[in-house]
Amino acid sequence: MGLDSFWHWAILLVVVLVVFGTGKLSKIGPDIGNAVRGFKKAMQSDDEDIKRKEQKQLKADPPLSASASSANGTQHKHDSYEST
């Protein structure tokens, strides 16, 4: 009597129906559906939060322009000469 036997699955189905009853089994489907929907919604909100944080970081730290980076580079060189 393997797991692929028809009679095995028929007996298992009868035992499950006797233990849980048809009322509880009919409520399981919608509960699982609601759980999956909630999980998907939470995953989408996590993705949106990550995107918002990335956009906020980009607005807070804009890339340096060419003139600002060269000025900072000369200042850095000046500081290194002072230390030697």
PDB file of N, CA and C in Angstrom:
ATOM      1  N   MET A   1       0.853  -1.182   0.000  1.00  0.00           N
ATOM      2  CA  MET A   1       0.000   0.000   0.000  1.00  0.00           C
ATOM      3  C   MET A   1       0.894   1.239   0.000  1.00  0.00           C
ATOM      4  N   GLY A   2       1.160   1.779  -1.170  1.00  0.00           N
ATOM      5  CA  GLY A   2       2.020   2.938  -1.308  1.00  0.00           C
ATOM      6  C   GLY A   2       1.229   4.228  -1.253  1.00  0.00           C
ATOM      7  N   LEU A   3       1.941   5.322  -1.350  1.00  0.00           N
ATOM      8  CA  LEU A   3       1.299   6.632  -1.310  1.00  0.00           C
ATOM      9  C   LEU A   3       0.525   6.938  -2.582  1.00  0.00           C
ATOM     10  N   ASP A   4       0.800   6.215  -3.650  1.00  0.00           N
ATOM     11  CA  ASP A   4       0.104   6.482  -4.900  1.00  0.00           C
ATOM     12  C   ASP A   4      -1.128   5.607  -5.093  1.00  0.00           C
ATOM     13  N   SER A   5      -1.470   4.816  -4.090  1.00  0.00           N
ATOM     14  CA  SER A   5      -2.629   3.933  -4.185  1.00  0.00           C
ATOM     15  C   SER A   5      -3.926   4.727  -3.999  1.00  0.00           C
ATOM     16  N   PHE A   6      -4.927   4.427  -4.814  1.00  0.00           N
ATOM     17  CA  PHE A   6      -6.221   5.094  -4.726  1.00  0.00           C
ATOM     18  C   PHE A   6      -6.857   4.869  -3.365  1.00  0.00           C
ATOM     19  N   TRP A   7      -6.805   3.634  -2.869  1.00  0.00           N
ATOM     20  CA  TRP A   7      -7.458   3.312  -1.600  1.00  0.00           C
ATOM     21  C   TRP A   7      -6.790   4.028  -0.433  1.00  0.00           C
ATOM     22  N   HIS A   8      -5.507   4.223  -0.505  1.00  0.00           N
ATOM     23  CA  HIS A   8      -4.801   4.964   0.553  1.00  0.00           C
ATOM     24  C   HIS A   8      -5.364   6.377   0.669  1.00  0.00           C
ATOM     25  N   TRP A   9      -5.502   7.065  -0.468  1.00  0.00           N
ATOM     26  CA  TRP A   9      -6.010   8.434  -0.467  1.00  0.00           C
ATOM     27  C   TRP A   9      -7.484   8.496  -0.090  1.00  0.00           C
ATOM     28  N   ALA A  10      -8.269   7.496  -0.489  1.00  0.00           N
ATOM     29  CA  ALA A  10      -9.692   7.459  -0.133  1.00  0.00           C
ATOM     30  C   ALA A  10      -9.859   7.303   1.375  1.00  0.00           C
ATOM     31  N   ILE A  11      -9.113   6.403   1.980  1.00  0.00           N
ATOM     32  CA  ILE A  11      -9.190   6.198   3.432  1.00  0.00           C
ATOM     33  C   ILE A  11      -8.705   7.449   4.164  1.00  0.00           C
ATOM     34  N   LEU A  12      -7.653   8.048   3.680  1.00  0.00           N
ATOM     35  CA  LEU A  12      -7.126   9.265   4.303  1.00  0.00           C
ATOM     36  C   LEU A  12      -8.151  10.398   4.238  1.00  0.00           C
ATOM     37  N   LEU A  13      -8.841  10.523   3.111  1.00  0.00           N
ATOM     38  CA  LEU A  13      -9.874  11.550   2.972  1.00  0.00           C
ATOM     39  C   LEU A  13     -11.020  11.319   3.951  1.00  0.00           C
ATOM     40  N   VAL A  14     -11.436  10.078   4.117  1.00  0.00           N
ATOM     41  CA  VAL A  14     -12.516   9.752   5.054  1.00  0.00           C
ATOM     42  C   VAL A  14     -12.089  10.085   6.480  1.00  0.00           C
ATOM     43  N   VAL A  15     -10.864   9.748   6.851  1.00  0.00           N
ATOM     44  CA  VAL A  15     -10.371  10.040   8.208  1.00  0.00           C
ATOM     45  C   VAL A  15     -10.331  11.544   8.447  1.00  0.00           C
ATOM     46  N   VAL A  16      -9.850  12.303   7.473  1.00  0.00           N
ATOM     47  CA  VAL A  16      -9.786  13.769   7.624  1.00  0.00           C
ATOM     48  C   VAL A  16     -11.183  14.344   7.773  1.00  0.00           C
ATOM     49  N   LEU A  17     -12.138  13.864   6.985  1.00  0.00           N
ATOM     50  CA  LEU A  17     -13.516  14.355   7.091  1.00  0.00           C
ATOM     51  C   LEU A  17     -14.128  14.023   8.441  1.00  0.00           C
ATOM     52  N   VAL A  18     -13.834  12.844   8.966  1.00  0.00           N
ATOM     53  CA  VAL A  18     -14.379  12.459  10.272  1.00  0.00           C
ATOM     54  C   VAL A  18     -13.765  13.311  11.381  1.00  0.00           C
ATOM     55  N   VAL A  19     -12.456  13.539  11.311  1.00  0.00           N
ATOM     56  CA  VAL A  19     -11.768  14.285  12.376  1.00  0.00           C
ATOM     57  C   VAL A  19     -12.159  15.765  12.347  1.00  0.00           C
ATOM     58  N   PHE A  20     -12.082  16.389  11.186  1.00  0.00           N
ATOM     59  CA  PHE A  20     -12.296  17.829  11.109  1.00  0.00           C
ATOM     60  C   PHE A  20     -13.737  18.218  10.788  1.00  0.00           C
ATOM     61  N   GLY A  21     -14.451  17.390  10.099  1.00  0.00           N
ATOM     62  CA  GLY A  21     -15.814  17.735   9.697  1.00  0.00           C
ATOM     63  C   GLY A  21     -15.812  18.633   8.483  1.00  0.00           C
ATOM     64  N   THR A  22     -16.916  18.656   7.769  1.00  0.00           N
ATOM     65  CA  THR A  22     -16.981  19.454   6.541  1.00  0.00           C
ATOM     66  C   THR A  22     -17.055  20.952   6.815  1.00  0.00           C
ATOM     67  N   GLY A  23     -17.589  21.343   7.958  1.00  0.00           N
ATOM     68  CA  GLY A  23     -17.697  22.775   8.287  1.00  0.00           C
ATOM     69  C   GLY A  23     -16.339  23.423   8.438  1.00  0.00           C
ATOM     70  N   LYS A  24     -15.446  22.757   9.164  1.00  0.00           N
ATOM     71  CA  LYS A  24     -14.103  23.320   9.357  1.00  0.00           C
ATOM     72  C   LYS A  24     -13.311  23.309   8.067  1.00  0.00           C
ATOM     73  N   LEU A  25     -13.475  22.255   7.276  1.00  0.00           N
ATOM     74  CA  LEU A  25     -12.733  22.182   6.019  1.00  0.00           C
ATOM     75  C   LEU A  25     -13.169  23.260   5.035  1.00  0.00           C
ATOM     76  N   SER A  26     -14.441  23.620   5.044  1.00  0.00           N
ATOM     77  CA  SER A  26     -14.900  24.661   4.121  1.00  0.00           C
ATOM     78  C   SER A  26     -14.407  26.049   4.534  1.00  0.00           C
ATOM     79  N   LYS A  27     -14.072  26.233   5.807  1.00  0.00           N
ATOM     80  CA  LYS A  27     -13.555  27.520   6.283  1.00  0.00           C
ATOM     81  C   LYS A  27     -12.057  27.657   6.058  1.00  0.00           C
ATOM     82  N   ILE A  28     -11.368  26.551   5.832  1.00  0.00           N
ATOM     83  CA  ILE A  28      -9.917  26.600   5.666  1.00  0.00           C
ATOM     84  C   ILE A  28      -9.537  27.326   4.381  1.00  0.00           C
ATOM     85  N   GLY A  29     -10.289  27.088   3.298  1.00  0.00           N
ATOM     86  CA  GLY A  29      -9.968  27.713   2.007  1.00  0.00           C
ATOM     87  C   GLY A  29      -9.922  29.226   2.065  1.00  0.00           C
ATOM     88  N   PRO A  30     -10.983  29.884   2.512  1.00  0.00           N
ATOM     89  CA  PRO A  30     -10.935  31.350   2.591  1.00  0.00           C
ATOM     90  C   PRO A  30      -9.869  31.866   3.559  1.00  0.00           C
ATOM     91  N   ASP A  31      -9.626  31.143   4.636  1.00  0.00           N
ATOM     92  CA  ASP A  31      -8.592  31.569   5.583  1.00  0.00           C
ATOM     93  C   ASP A  31      -7.209  31.544   4.939  1.00  0.00           C
ATOM     94  N   ILE A  32      -6.949  30.500   4.173  1.00  0.00           N
ATOM     95  CA  ILE A  32      -5.653  30.412   3.486  1.00  0.00           C
ATOM     96  C   ILE A  32      -5.559  31.517   2.433  1.00  0.00           C
ATOM     97  N   GLY A  33      -6.653  31.770   1.717  1.00  0.00           N
ATOM     98  CA  GLY A  33      -6.659  32.841   0.721  1.00  0.00           C
ATOM     99  C   GLY A  33      -6.380  34.199   1.336  1.00  0.00           C
ATOM    100  N   ASN A  34      -6.988  34.481   2.477  1.00  0.00           N
ATOM    101  CA  ASN A  34      -6.736  35.756   3.163  1.00  0.00           C
ATOM    102  C   ASN A  34      -5.301  35.856   3.641  1.00  0.00           C
ATOM    103  N   ALA A  35      -4.746  34.746   4.108  1.00  0.00           N
ATOM    104  CA  ALA A  35      -3.361  34.751   4.563  1.00  0.00           C
ATOM    105  C   ALA A  35      -2.409  35.029   3.406  1.00  0.00           C
ATOM    106  N   VAL A  36      -2.667  34.431   2.260  1.00  0.00           N
ATOM    107  CA  VAL A  36      -1.810  34.657   1.089  1.00  0.00           C
ATOM    108  C   VAL A  36      -1.926  36.103   0.616  1.00  0.00           C
ATOM    109  N   ARG A  37      -3.129  36.648   0.590  1.00  0.00           N
ATOM    110  CA  ARG A  37      -3.314  38.049   0.194  1.00  0.00           C
ATOM    111  C   ARG A  37      -2.588  38.991   1.150  1.00  0.00           C
ATOM    112  N   GLY A  38      -2.681  38.713   2.446  1.00  0.00           N
ATOM    113  CA  GLY A  38      -1.980  39.541   3.425  1.00  0.00           C
ATOM    114  C   GLY A  38      -0.472  39.474   3.248  1.00  0.00           C
ATOM    115  N   PHE A  39       0.033  38.281   2.947  1.00  0.00           N
ATOM    116  CA  PHE A  39       1.464  38.118   2.731  1.00  0.00           C
ATOM    117  C   PHE A  39       1.916  38.899   1.505  1.00  0.00           C
ATOM    118  N   LYS A  40       1.161  38.814   0.412  1.00  0.00           N
ATOM    119  CA  LYS A  40       1.510  39.547  -0.803  1.00  0.00           C
ATOM    120  C   LYS A  40       1.486  41.049  -0.559  1.00  0.00           C
ATOM    121  N   LYS A  41       0.483  41.511   0.189  1.00  0.00           N
ATOM    122  CA  LYS A  41       0.367  42.938   0.485  1.00  0.00           C
ATOM    123  C   LYS A  41       1.555  43.415   1.317  1.00  0.00           C
ATOM    124  N   ALA A  42       1.958  42.607   2.281  1.00  0.00           N
ATOM    125  CA  ALA A  42       3.112  42.967   3.115  1.00  0.00           C
ATOM    126  C   ALA A  42       4.394  43.004   2.294  1.00  0.00           C
ATOM    127  N   MET A  43       4.544  42.076   1.368  1.00  0.00           N
ATOM    128  CA  MET A  43       5.736  42.055   0.527  1.00  0.00           C
ATOM    129  C   MET A  43       5.784  43.282  -0.373  1.00  0.00           C
ATOM    130  N   GLN A  44       4.641  43.689  -0.904  1.00  0.00           N
ATOM    131  CA  GLN A  44       4.596  44.875  -1.765  1.00  0.00           C
ATOM    132  C   GLN A  44       4.898  46.130  -0.963  1.00  0.00           C
ATOM    133  N   SER A  45       4.409  46.209   0.265  1.00  0.00           N
ATOM    134  CA  SER A  45       4.682  47.404   1.071  1.00  0.00           C
ATOM    135  C   SER A  45       6.153  47.464   1.461  1.00  0.00           C
ATOM    136  N   ASP A  46       6.794  46.300   1.661  1.00  0.00           N
ATOM    137  CA  ASP A  46       8.228  46.282   1.945  1.00  0.00           C
ATOM    138  C   ASP A  46       9.012  46.808   0.747  1.00  0.00           C
ATOM    139  N   ASP A  47       8.628  46.397  -0.451  1.00  0.00           N
ATOM    140  CA  ASP A  47       9.294  46.876  -1.655  1.00  0.00           C
ATOM    141  C   ASP A  47       9.116  48.379  -1.807  1.00  0.00           C
ATOM    142  N   GLU A  48       7.916  48.876  -1.513  1.00  0.00           N
ATOM    143  CA  GLU A  48       7.657  50.305  -1.614  1.00  0.00           C
ATOM    144  C   GLU A  48       8.472  51.073  -0.575  1.00  0.00           C
ATOM    145  N   ASP A  49       8.613  50.537   0.633  1.00  0.00           N
ATOM    146  CA  ASP A  49       9.413  51.193   1.665  1.00  0.00           C
ATOM    147  C   ASP A  49      10.873  51.289   1.244  1.00  0.00           C
ATOM    148  N   ILE A  50      11.390  50.233   0.633  1.00  0.00           N
ATOM    149  CA  ILE A  50      12.783  50.243   0.186  1.00  0.00           C
ATOM    150  C   ILE A  50      12.973  51.297  -0.897  1.00  0.00           C
ATOM    151  N   LYS A  51      12.034  51.381  -1.831  1.00  0.00           N
ATOM    152  CA  LYS A  51      12.135  52.379  -2.898  1.00  0.00           C
ATOM    153  C   LYS A  51      12.077  53.790  -2.334  1.00  0.00           C
ATOM    154  N   ARG A  52      11.202  54.006  -1.349  1.00  0.00           N
ATOM    155  CA  ARG A  52      11.100  55.340  -0.738  1.00  0.00           C
ATOM    156  C   ARG A  52      12.402  55.719  -0.043  1.00  0.00           C
ATOM    157  N   LYS A  53      13.009  54.768   0.665  1.00  0.00           N
ATOM    158  CA  LYS A  53      14.270  55.050   1.354  1.00  0.00           C
ATOM    159  C   LYS A  53      15.380  55.377   0.365  1.00  0.00           C
ATOM    160  N   GLU A  54      15.419  54.635  -0.760  1.00  0.00           N
ATOM    161  CA  GLU A  54      16.433  54.916  -1.771  1.00  0.00           C
ATOM    162  C   GLU A  54      16.232  56.304  -2.363  1.00  0.00           C
ATOM    163  N   GLN A  55      14.980  56.686  -2.646  1.00  0.00           N
ATOM    164  CA  GLN A  55      14.711  58.003  -3.208  1.00  0.00           C
ATOM    165  C   GLN A  55      15.045  59.098  -2.202  1.00  0.00           C
ATOM    166  N   LYS A  56      14.726  58.860  -0.944  1.00  0.00           N
ATOM    167  CA  LYS A  56      15.022  59.838   0.098  1.00  0.00           C
ATOM    168  C   LYS A  56      16.528  60.027   0.232  1.00  0.00           C
ATOM    169  N   GLN A  57      17.276  58.924   0.134  1.00  0.00           N
ATOM    170  CA  GLN A  57      18.730  59.003   0.245  1.00  0.00           C
ATOM    171  C   GLN A  57      19.314  59.755  -0.949  1.00  0.00           C
ATOM    172  N   LEU A  58      18.769  59.514  -2.132  1.00  0.00           N
ATOM    173  CA  LEU A  58      19.255  60.218  -3.308  1.00  0.00           C
ATOM    174  C   LEU A  58      18.986  61.718  -3.207  1.00  0.00           C
ATOM    175  N   LYS A  59      17.842  62.090  -2.644  1.00  0.00           N
ATOM    176  CA  LYS A  59      17.537  63.510  -2.484  1.00  0.00           C
ATOM    177  C   LYS A  59      18.414  64.135  -1.404  1.00  0.00           C
ATOM    178  N   ALA A  60      18.740  63.385  -0.360  1.00  0.00           N
ATOM    179  CA  ALA A  60      19.541  63.919   0.739  1.00  0.00           C
ATOM    180  C   ALA A  60      21.007  64.046   0.342  1.00  0.00           C
ATOM    181  N   ASP A  61      21.519  63.137  -0.471  1.00  0.00           N
ATOM    182  CA  ASP A  61      22.919  63.143  -0.871  1.00  0.00           C
ATOM    183  C   ASP A  61      23.035  63.228  -2.390  1.00  0.00           C
ATOM    184  N   PRO A  62      22.835  64.417  -2.967  1.00  0.00           N
ATOM    185  CA  PRO A  62      22.943  64.522  -4.422  1.00  0.00           C
ATOM    186  C   PRO A  62      24.395  64.316  -4.841  1.00  0.00           C
ATOM    187  N   PRO A  63      24.625  63.854  -6.051  1.00  0.00           N
ATOM    188  CA  PRO A  63      25.999  63.654  -6.513  1.00  0.00           C
ATOM    189  C   PRO A  63      26.717  64.990  -6.608  1.00  0.00           C
ATOM    190  N   LEU A  64      28.009  64.975  -6.371  1.00  0.00           N
ATOM    191  CA  LEU A  64      28.800  66.195  -6.421  1.00  0.00           C
ATOM    192  C   LEU A  64      28.993  66.631  -7.858  1.00  0.00           C
ATOM    193  N   SER A  65      28.989  67.945  -8.072  1.00  0.00           N
ATOM    194  CA  SER A  65      29.239  68.460  -9.416  1.00  0.00           C
ATOM    195  C   SER A  65      30.746  68.449  -9.671  1.00  0.00           C
ATOM    196  N   ALA A  66      31.151  68.680 -10.893  1.00  0.00           N
ATOM    197  CA  ALA A  66      32.575  68.631 -11.256  1.00  0.00           C
ATOM    198  C   ALA A  66      33.365  69.705 -10.514  1.00  0.00           C
ATOM    199  N   SER A  67      32.795  70.913 -10.384  1.00  0.00           N
ATOM    200  CA  SER A  67      33.526  71.995  -9.716  1.00  0.00           C
ATOM    201  C   SER A  67      33.650  71.727  -8.221  1.00  0.00           C
ATOM    202  N   ALA A  68      32.637  71.159  -7.619  1.00  0.00           N
ATOM    203  CA  ALA A  68      32.692  70.879  -6.186  1.00  0.00           C
ATOM    204  C   ALA A  68      33.663  69.746  -5.898  1.00  0.00           C
ATOM    205  N   SER A  69      33.730  68.754  -6.771  1.00  0.00           N
ATOM    206  CA  SER A  69      34.633  67.638  -6.520  1.00  0.00           C
ATOM    207  C   SER A  69      36.082  68.062  -6.695  1.00  0.00           C
ATOM    208  N   SER A  70      36.362  68.957  -7.659  1.00  0.00           N
ATOM    209  CA  SER A  70      37.746  69.410  -7.840  1.00  0.00           C
ATOM    210  C   SER A  70      38.167  70.303  -6.673  1.00  0.00           C
ATOM    211  N   ALA A  71      37.251  71.111  -6.152  1.00  0.00           N
ATOM    212  CA  ALA A  71      37.570  71.963  -5.008  1.00  0.00           C
ATOM    213  C   ALA A  71      37.845  71.102  -3.784  1.00  0.00           C
ATOM    214  N   ASN A  72      37.067  70.069  -3.590  1.00  0.00           N
ATOM    215  CA  ASN A  72      37.300  69.178  -2.460  1.00  0.00           C
ATOM    216  C   ASN A  72      38.614  68.432  -2.629  1.00  0.00           C
ATOM    217  N   GLY A  73      38.966  68.098  -3.862  1.00  0.00           N
ATOM    218  CA  GLY A  73      40.211  67.376  -4.113  1.00  0.00           C
ATOM    219  C   GLY A  73      41.417  68.232  -3.787  1.00  0.00           C
ATOM    220  N   THR A  74      41.385  69.538  -4.130  1.00  0.00           N
ATOM    221  CA  THR A  74      42.506  70.409  -3.821  1.00  0.00           C
ATOM    222  C   THR A  74      42.598  70.644  -2.327  1.00  0.00           C
ATOM    223  N   GLN A  75      41.476  70.733  -1.677  1.00  0.00           N
ATOM    224  CA  GLN A  75      41.481  70.896  -0.226  1.00  0.00           C
ATOM    225  C   GLN A  75      42.074  69.670   0.431  1.00  0.00           C
ATOM    226  N   HIS A  76      41.732  68.501  -0.086  1.00  0.00           N
ATOM    227  CA  HIS A  76      42.258  67.264   0.471  1.00  0.00           C
ATOM    228  C   HIS A  76      43.773  67.204   0.294  1.00  0.00           C
ATOM    229  N   LYS A  77      44.273  67.647  -0.889  1.00  0.00           N
ATOM    230  CA  LYS A  77      45.691  67.646  -1.119  1.00  0.00           C
ATOM    231  C   LYS A  77      46.369  68.642  -0.184  1.00  0.00           C
ATOM    232  N   HIS A  78      45.738  69.782   0.001  1.00  0.00           N
ATOM    233  CA  HIS A  78      46.280  70.794   0.888  1.00  0.00           C
ATOM    234  C   HIS A  78      46.392  70.247   2.317  1.00  0.00           C
ATOM    235  N   ASP A  79      45.380  69.539   2.766  1.00  0.00           N
ATOM    236  CA  ASP A  79      45.410  68.960   4.106  1.00  0.00           C
ATOM    237  C   ASP A  79      46.512  67.920   4.225  1.00  0.00           C
ATOM    238  N   SER A  80      46.732  67.158   3.173  1.00  0.00           N
ATOM    239  CA  SER A  80      47.760  66.138   3.258  1.00  0.00           C
ATOM    240  C   SER A  80      49.144  66.761   3.274  1.00  0.00           C
ATOM    241  N   TYR A  81      49.334  67.917   2.601  1.00  0.00           N
ATOM    242  CA  TYR A  81      50.624  68.575   2.644  1.00  0.00           C
ATOM    243  C   TYR A  81      50.894  69.183   4.005  1.00  0.00           C
ATOM    244  N   GLU A  82      49.837  69.643   4.665  1.00  0.00           N
ATOM    245  CA  GLU A  82      50.021  70.218   5.988  1.00  0.00           C
ATOM    246  C   GLU A  82      50.448  69.182   7.000  1.00  0.00           C
ATOM    247  N   SER A  83      49.976  67.968   6.818  1.00  0.00           N
ATOM    248  CA  SER A  83      50.282  66.938   7.812  1.00  0.00           C
ATOM    249  C   SER A  83      51.704  66.418   7.663  1.00  0.00           C
ATOM    250  N   THR A  84      52.354  66.627   6.479  1.00  0.00           N
ATOM    251  CA  THR A  84      53.719  66.115   6.310  1.00  0.00           C
ATOM    252  C   THR A  84      54.766  67.127   6.620  1.00  0.00           C
TER     253      THR A  84
END
